[in-house]
Amino acid sequence: SADLEAEPWVNPSPEITKHFDDVGKQLTADL
């Protein structure tokens, strides 16, 4: 079989992008 578990296919990019947005808002507020 070539079946794979679900976890390895989860791309962390959306979470990182959300973190970018949060940091950007925080930086804007700090500035």
All heavy atoms as atom14 arrays in JSON, in Angstrom:
{
  "sequence": "SADLEAEPWVNPSPEITKHFDDVGKQLTADL",
  "atom14_mask": [
    [1, 1, 1, 1, 1, 1, 0, 0, 0, 0, 0, 0, 0, 0],
    [1, 1, 1, 1, 1, 0, 0, 0, 0, 0, 0, 0, 0, 0],
    [1, 1, 1, 1, 1, 1, 1, 1, 0, 0, 0, 0, 0, 0],
    [1, 1, 1, 1, 1, 1, 1, 1, 0, 0, 0, 0, 0, 0],
    [1, 1, 1, 1, 1, 1, 1, 1, 1, 0, 0, 0, 0, 0],
    [1, 1, 1, 1, 1, 0, 0, 0, 0, 0, 0, 0, 0, 0],
    [1, 1, 1, 1, 1, 1, 1, 1, 1, 0, 0, 0, 0, 0],
    [1, 1, 1, 1, 1, 1, 1, 0, 0, 0, 0, 0, 0, 0],
    [1, 1, 1, 1, 1, 1, 1, 1, 1, 1, 1, 1, 1, 1],
    [1, 1, 1, 1, 1, 1, 1, 0, 0, 0, 0, 0, 0, 0],
    [1, 1, 1, 1, 1, 1, 1, 1, 0, 0, 0, 0, 0, 0],
    [1, 1, 1, 1, 1, 1, 1, 0, 0, 0, 0, 0, 0, 0],
    [1, 1, 1, 1, 1, 1, 0, 0, 0, 0, 0, 0, 0, 0],
    [1, 1, 1, 1, 1, 1, 1, 0, 0, 0, 0, 0, 0, 0],
    [1, 1, 1, 1, 1, 1, 1, 1, 1, 0, 0, 0, 0, 0],
    [1, 1, 1, 1, 1, 1, 1, 1, 0, 0, 0, 0, 0, 0],
    [1, 1, 1, 1, 1, 1, 1, 0, 0, 0, 0, 0, 0, 0],
    [1, 1, 1, 1, 1, 1, 1, 1, 1, 0, 0, 0, 0, 0],
    [1, 1, 1, 1, 1, 1, 1, 1, 1, 1, 0, 0, 0, 0],
    [1, 1, 1, 1, 1, 1, 1, 1, 1, 1, 1, 0, 0, 0],
    [1, 1, 1, 1, 1, 1, 1, 1, 0, 0, 0, 0, 0, 0],
    [1, 1, 1, 1, 1, 1, 1, 1, 0, 0, 0, 0, 0, 0],
    [1, 1, 1, 1, 1, 1, 1, 0, 0, 0, 0, 0, 0, 0],
    [1, 1, 1, 1, 0, 0, 0, 0, 0, 0, 0, 0, 0, 0],
    [1, 1, 1, 1, 1, 1, 1, 1, 1, 0, 0, 0, 0, 0],
    [1, 1, 1, 1, 1, 1, 1, 1, 1, 0, 0, 0, 0, 0],
    [1, 1, 1, 1, 1, 1, 1, 1, 0, 0, 0, 0, 0, 0],
    [1, 1, 1, 1, 1, 1, 1, 0, 0, 0, 0, 0, 0, 0],
    [1, 1, 1, 1, 1, 0, 0, 0, 0, 0, 0, 0, 0, 0],
    [1, 1, 1, 1, 1, 1, 1, 1, 0, 0, 0, 0, 0, 0],
    [1, 1, 1, 1, 1, 1, 1, 1, 0, 0, 0, 0, 0, 0]
  ],
  "atom14_positions": [
    [[0.83, -1.21, 0.0], [0.0, 0.0, 0.0], [0.86, 1.25, 0.0], [2.0, 1.24, 0.41], [-0.91, 0.0, 1.23], [-0.14, 0.19, 2.4], [0.0, 0.0, 0.0], [0.0, 0.0, 0.0], [0.0, 0.0, 0.0], [0.0, 0.0, 0.0], [0.0, 0.0, 0.0], [0.0, 0.0, 0.0], [0.0, 0.0, 0.0], [0.0, 0.0, 0.0]],
    [[0.27, 2.31, -0.49], [0.94, 3.63, -0.47], [0.16, 4.59, 0.41], [0.25, 5.79, 0.26], [1.07, 4.17, -1.89], [0.0, 0.0, 0.0], [0.0, 0.0, 0.0], [0.0, 0.0, 0.0], [0.0, 0.0, 0.0], [0.0, 0.0, 0.0], [0.0, 0.0, 0.0], [0.0, 0.0, 0.0], [0.0, 0.0, 0.0], [0.0, 0.0, 0.0]],
    [[-0.64, 4.01, 1.33], [-1.45, 4.85, 2.21], [-0.57, 5.6, 3.19], [0.41, 5.06, 3.7], [-2.45, 3.99, 2.99], [-3.45, 3.31, 2.05], [-3.69, 3.86, 0.96], [-3.96, 2.25, 2.41], [0.0, 0.0, 0.0], [0.0, 0.0, 0.0], [0.0, 0.0, 0.0], [0.0, 0.0, 0.0], [0.0, 0.0, 0.0], [0.0, 0.0, 0.0]],
    [[-0.92, 6.84, 3.46], [-0.14, 7.68, 4.37], [-1.06, 8.22, 5.47], [-2.26, 8.38, 5.27], [0.5, 8.86, 3.61], [1.42, 8.48, 2.46], [1.87, 9.74, 1.75], [2.63, 7.72, 2.96], [0.0, 0.0, 0.0], [0.0, 0.0, 0.0], [0.0, 0.0, 0.0], [0.0, 0.0, 0.0], [0.0, 0.0, 0.0], [0.0, 0.0, 0.0]],
    [[-0.48, 8.49, 6.61], [-1.25, 9.12, 7.68], [-1.59, 10.56, 7.3], [-0.93, 11.17, 6.47], [-0.45, 9.09, 8.98], [-0.15, 7.69, 9.46], [0.69, 7.68, 10.73], [1.04, 8.78, 11.19], [0.95, 6.6, 11.23], [0.0, 0.0, 0.0], [0.0, 0.0, 0.0], [0.0, 0.0, 0.0], [0.0, 0.0, 0.0], [0.0, 0.0, 0.0]],
    [[-2.6, 11.07, 7.94], [-3.06, 12.42, 7.57], [-2.09, 13.5, 7.99], [-1.91, 14.49, 7.3], [-4.44, 12.68, 8.19], [0.0, 0.0, 0.0], [0.0, 0.0, 0.0], [0.0, 0.0, 0.0], [0.0, 0.0, 0.0], [0.0, 0.0, 0.0], [0.0, 0.0, 0.0], [0.0, 0.0, 0.0], [0.0, 0.0, 0.0], [0.0, 0.0, 0.0]],
    [[-1.42, 13.3, 9.13], [-0.62, 14.37, 9.69], [0.46, 14.9, 8.74], [0.65, 16.11, 8.62], [0.02, 13.92, 11.01], [-0.95, 13.81, 12.16], [-1.79, 12.55, 12.09], [-1.57, 11.76, 11.15], [-2.68, 12.37, 12.93], [0.0, 0.0, 0.0], [0.0, 0.0, 0.0], [0.0, 0.0, 0.0], [0.0, 0.0, 0.0], [0.0, 0.0, 0.0]],
    [[1.24, 14.0, 8.06], [2.34, 14.54, 7.24], [1.88, 15.46, 6.12], [2.68, 16.18, 5.54], [3.0, 13.28, 6.68], [2.63, 12.2, 7.63], [1.27, 12.55, 8.11], [0.0, 0.0, 0.0], [0.0, 0.0, 0.0], [0.0, 0.0, 0.0], [0.0, 0.0, 0.0], [0.0, 0.0, 0.0], [0.0, 0.0, 0.0], [0.0, 0.0, 0.0]],
    [[0.56, 15.39, 5.77], [0.1, 16.2, 4.63], [-0.38, 17.59, 5.08], [-0.8, 18.39, 4.26], [-1.03, 15.48, 3.91], [-0.6, 14.16, 3.39], [-0.8, 12.94, 3.95], [0.15, 13.9, 2.21], [-0.23, 11.94, 3.2], [0.36, 12.51, 2.11], [0.68, 14.72, 1.2], [1.07, 11.92, 1.08], [1.38, 14.13, 0.16], [1.56, 12.75, 0.11]],
    [[-0.37, 17.83, 6.38], [-0.85, 19.13, 6.88], [0.24, 20.17, 6.71], [1.31, 20.05, 7.26], [-1.27, 19.02, 8.36], [-1.72, 20.39, 8.86], [-2.37, 17.99, 8.51], [0.0, 0.0, 0.0], [0.0, 0.0, 0.0], [0.0, 0.0, 0.0], [0.0, 0.0, 0.0], [0.0, 0.0, 0.0], [0.0, 0.0, 0.0], [0.0, 0.0, 0.0]],
    [[-0.07, 21.15, 5.9], [0.92, 22.21, 5.64], [0.77, 23.3, 6.68], [-0.33, 23.83, 6.88], [0.67, 22.78, 4.23], [1.84, 23.64, 3.76], [2.48, 24.32, 4.55], [2.08, 23.61, 2.47], [0.0, 0.0, 0.0], [0.0, 0.0, 0.0], [0.0, 0.0, 0.0], [0.0, 0.0, 0.0], [0.0, 0.0, 0.0], [0.0, 0.0, 0.0]],
    [[1.85, 23.65, 7.37], [1.75, 24.67, 8.42], [1.65, 26.1, 7.91], [1.59, 27.03, 8.69], [3.05, 24.46, 9.21], [4.02, 23.95, 8.19], [3.2, 23.09, 7.27], [0.0, 0.0, 0.0], [0.0, 0.0, 0.0], [0.0, 0.0, 0.0], [0.0, 0.0, 0.0], [0.0, 0.0, 0.0], [0.0, 0.0, 0.0], [0.0, 0.0, 0.0]],
    [[1.67, 26.27, 6.58], [1.71, 27.63, 6.03], [0.54, 28.51, 6.48], [0.75, 29.68, 6.82], [1.73, 27.57, 4.5], [2.91, 26.96, 4.07], [0.0, 0.0, 0.0], [0.0, 0.0, 0.0], [0.0, 0.0, 0.0], [0.0, 0.0, 0.0], [0.0, 0.0, 0.0], [0.0, 0.0, 0.0], [0.0, 0.0, 0.0], [0.0, 0.0, 0.0]],
    [[-0.72, 27.99, 6.48], [-1.81, 28.88, 6.92], [-1.61, 29.4, 8.33], [-1.87, 30.56, 8.62], [-3.04, 27.97, 6.82], [-2.66, 26.95, 5.79], [-1.2, 26.72, 5.99], [0.0, 0.0, 0.0], [0.0, 0.0, 0.0], [0.0, 0.0, 0.0], [0.0, 0.0, 0.0], [0.0, 0.0, 0.0], [0.0, 0.0, 0.0], [0.0, 0.0, 0.0]],
    [[-1.13, 28.53, 9.23], [-0.89, 28.96, 10.6], [0.18, 30.04, 10.65], [0.07, 31.01, 11.39], [-0.48, 27.76, 11.45], [-0.23, 28.11, 12.91], [0.18, 26.89, 13.71], [0.06, 25.78, 13.16], [0.59, 27.06, 14.86], [0.0, 0.0, 0.0], [0.0, 0.0, 0.0], [0.0, 0.0, 0.0], [0.0, 0.0, 0.0], [0.0, 0.0, 0.0]],
    [[1.24, 29.84, 9.84], [2.33, 30.83, 9.81], [1.82, 32.15, 9.24], [2.15, 33.23, 9.74], [3.49, 30.29, 8.97], [4.09, 29.05, 9.66], [4.57, 31.33, 8.76], [5.13, 28.35, 8.83], [0.0, 0.0, 0.0], [0.0, 0.0, 0.0], [0.0, 0.0, 0.0], [0.0, 0.0, 0.0], [0.0, 0.0, 0.0], [0.0, 0.0, 0.0]],
    [[1.01, 32.07, 8.19], [0.46, 33.29, 7.59], [-0.4, 34.05, 8.6], [-0.34, 35.28, 8.69], [-0.39, 32.93, 6.36], [0.42, 32.22, 5.43], [-0.91, 34.18, 5.68], [0.0, 0.0, 0.0], [0.0, 0.0, 0.0], [0.0, 0.0, 0.0], [0.0, 0.0, 0.0], [0.0, 0.0, 0.0], [0.0, 0.0, 0.0], [0.0, 0.0, 0.0]],
    [[-1.2, 33.29, 9.36], [-2.01, 33.93, 10.39], [-1.11, 34.62, 11.41], [-1.41, 35.72, 11.89], [-2.9, 32.88, 11.08], [-3.81, 33.46, 12.16], [-4.69, 32.37, 12.76], [-5.62, 32.95, 13.82], [-4.9, 33.54, 14.94], [0.0, 0.0, 0.0], [0.0, 0.0, 0.0], [0.0, 0.0, 0.0], [0.0, 0.0, 0.0], [0.0, 0.0, 0.0]],
    [[0.01, 33.94, 11.73], [0.94, 34.54, 12.68], [1.52, 35.84, 12.11], [1.72, 36.82, 12.82], [2.06, 33.55, 13.0], [2.97, 34.02, 14.1], [2.62, 33.93, 15.43], [4.21, 34.58, 14.06], [3.6, 34.41, 16.17], [4.59, 34.81, 15.37], [0.0, 0.0, 0.0], [0.0, 0.0, 0.0], [0.0, 0.0, 0.0], [0.0, 0.0, 0.0]],
    [[1.8, 35.83, 10.79], [2.29, 37.05, 10.13], [1.29, 38.19, 10.33], [1.65, 39.33, 10.67], [2.47, 36.82, 8.64], [3.67, 36.0, 8.28], [3.74, 35.36, 7.06], [4.74, 35.86, 9.16], [4.84, 34.61, 6.72], [5.84, 35.12, 8.84], [5.89, 34.47, 7.6], [0.0, 0.0, 0.0], [0.0, 0.0, 0.0], [0.0, 0.0, 0.0]],
    [[-0.01, 37.88, 10.1], [-1.04, 38.92, 10.22], [-1.11, 39.46, 11.64], [-1.21, 40.67, 11.86], [-2.4, 38.33, 9.82], [-2.44, 37.97, 8.34], [-1.6, 38.5, 7.58], [-3.3, 37.15, 7.96], [0.0, 0.0, 0.0], [0.0, 0.0, 0.0], [0.0, 0.0, 0.0], [0.0, 0.0, 0.0], [0.0, 0.0, 0.0], [0.0, 0.0, 0.0]],
    [[-1.05, 38.51, 12.62], [-1.11, 38.94, 14.01], [0.07, 39.83, 14.37], [-0.07, 40.87, 15.04], [-1.16, 37.73, 14.94], [-2.43, 36.92, 14.76], [-3.42, 37.47, 14.24], [-2.44, 35.73, 15.15], [0.0, 0.0, 0.0], [0.0, 0.0, 0.0], [0.0, 0.0, 0.0], [0.0, 0.0, 0.0], [0.0, 0.0, 0.0], [0.0, 0.0, 0.0]],
    [[1.29, 39.37, 13.91], [2.49, 40.15, 14.2], [2.43, 41.51, 13.51], [2.81, 42.54, 14.08], [3.75, 39.37, 13.78], [4.99, 40.25, 13.89], [3.93, 38.14, 14.65], [0.0, 0.0, 0.0], [0.0, 0.0, 0.0], [0.0, 0.0, 0.0], [0.0, 0.0, 0.0], [0.0, 0.0, 0.0], [0.0, 0.0, 0.0], [0.0, 0.0, 0.0]],
    [[1.95, 41.51, 12.26], [1.85, 42.76, 11.53], [0.94, 43.76, 12.22], [1.25, 44.95, 12.33], [0.0, 0.0, 0.0], [0.0, 0.0, 0.0], [0.0, 0.0, 0.0], [0.0, 0.0, 0.0], [0.0, 0.0, 0.0], [0.0, 0.0, 0.0], [0.0, 0.0, 0.0], [0.0, 0.0, 0.0], [0.0, 0.0, 0.0], [0.0, 0.0, 0.0]],
    [[-0.22, 43.26, 12.72], [-1.14, 44.14, 13.44], [-0.49, 44.68, 14.71], [-0.63, 45.86, 15.06], [-2.42, 43.39, 13.77], [-3.27, 43.04, 12.55], [-4.48, 42.21, 12.95], [-5.31, 41.85, 11.71], [-6.47, 41.0, 12.08], [0.0, 0.0, 0.0], [0.0, 0.0, 0.0], [0.0, 0.0, 0.0], [0.0, 0.0, 0.0], [0.0, 0.0, 0.0]],
    [[0.22, 43.76, 15.4], [0.87, 44.18, 16.63], [1.95, 45.21, 16.36], [2.1, 46.2, 17.08], [1.48, 42.94, 17.32], [2.14, 43.25, 18.68], [1.15, 43.79, 19.69], [0.03, 43.27, 19.81], [1.54, 44.83, 20.41], [0.0, 0.0, 0.0], [0.0, 0.0, 0.0], [0.0, 0.0, 0.0], [0.0, 0.0, 0.0], [0.0, 0.0, 0.0]],
    [[2.74, 44.96, 15.27], [3.8, 45.91, 14.93], [3.23, 47.26, 14.53], [3.77, 48.32, 14.88], [4.65, 45.34, 13.8], [5.57, 44.14, 14.17], [6.24, 43.61, 12.92], [6.6, 44.55, 15.2], [0.0, 0.0, 0.0], [0.0, 0.0, 0.0], [0.0, 0.0, 0.0], [0.0, 0.0, 0.0], [0.0, 0.0, 0.0], [0.0, 0.0, 0.0]],
    [[2.12, 47.24, 13.79], [1.49, 48.5, 13.4], [1.04, 49.28, 14.63], [1.22, 50.5, 14.72], [0.29, 48.22, 12.48], [0.73, 47.51, 11.32], [-0.39, 49.51, 12.06], [0.0, 0.0, 0.0], [0.0, 0.0, 0.0], [0.0, 0.0, 0.0], [0.0, 0.0, 0.0], [0.0, 0.0, 0.0], [0.0, 0.0, 0.0], [0.0, 0.0, 0.0]],
    [[0.44, 48.52, 15.57], [-0.01, 49.19, 16.8], [1.18, 49.74, 17.58], [1.13, 50.87, 18.11], [-0.79, 48.19, 17.66], [0.0, 0.0, 0.0], [0.0, 0.0, 0.0], [0.0, 0.0, 0.0], [0.0, 0.0, 0.0], [0.0, 0.0, 0.0], [0.0, 0.0, 0.0], [0.0, 0.0, 0.0], [0.0, 0.0, 0.0], [0.0, 0.0, 0.0]],
    [[2.28, 48.93, 17.65], [3.47, 49.4, 18.38], [4.07, 50.64, 17.72], [4.49, 51.59, 18.41], [4.52, 48.29, 18.44], [4.08, 47.12, 19.33], [3.12, 47.3, 20.11], [4.7, 46.03, 19.24], [0.0, 0.0, 0.0], [0.0, 0.0, 0.0], [0.0, 0.0, 0.0], [0.0, 0.0, 0.0], [0.0, 0.0, 0.0], [0.0, 0.0, 0.0]],
    [[4.11, 50.64, 16.38], [4.66, 51.8, 15.67], [3.81, 53.06, 15.9], [4.32, 54.17, 16.07], [4.77, 51.5, 14.17], [5.89, 50.53, 13.77], [5.79, 50.22, 12.29], [7.25, 51.14, 14.08], [0.0, 0.0, 0.0], [0.0, 0.0, 0.0], [0.0, 0.0, 0.0], [0.0, 0.0, 0.0], [0.0, 0.0, 0.0], [0.0, 0.0, 0.0]]
  ]
}
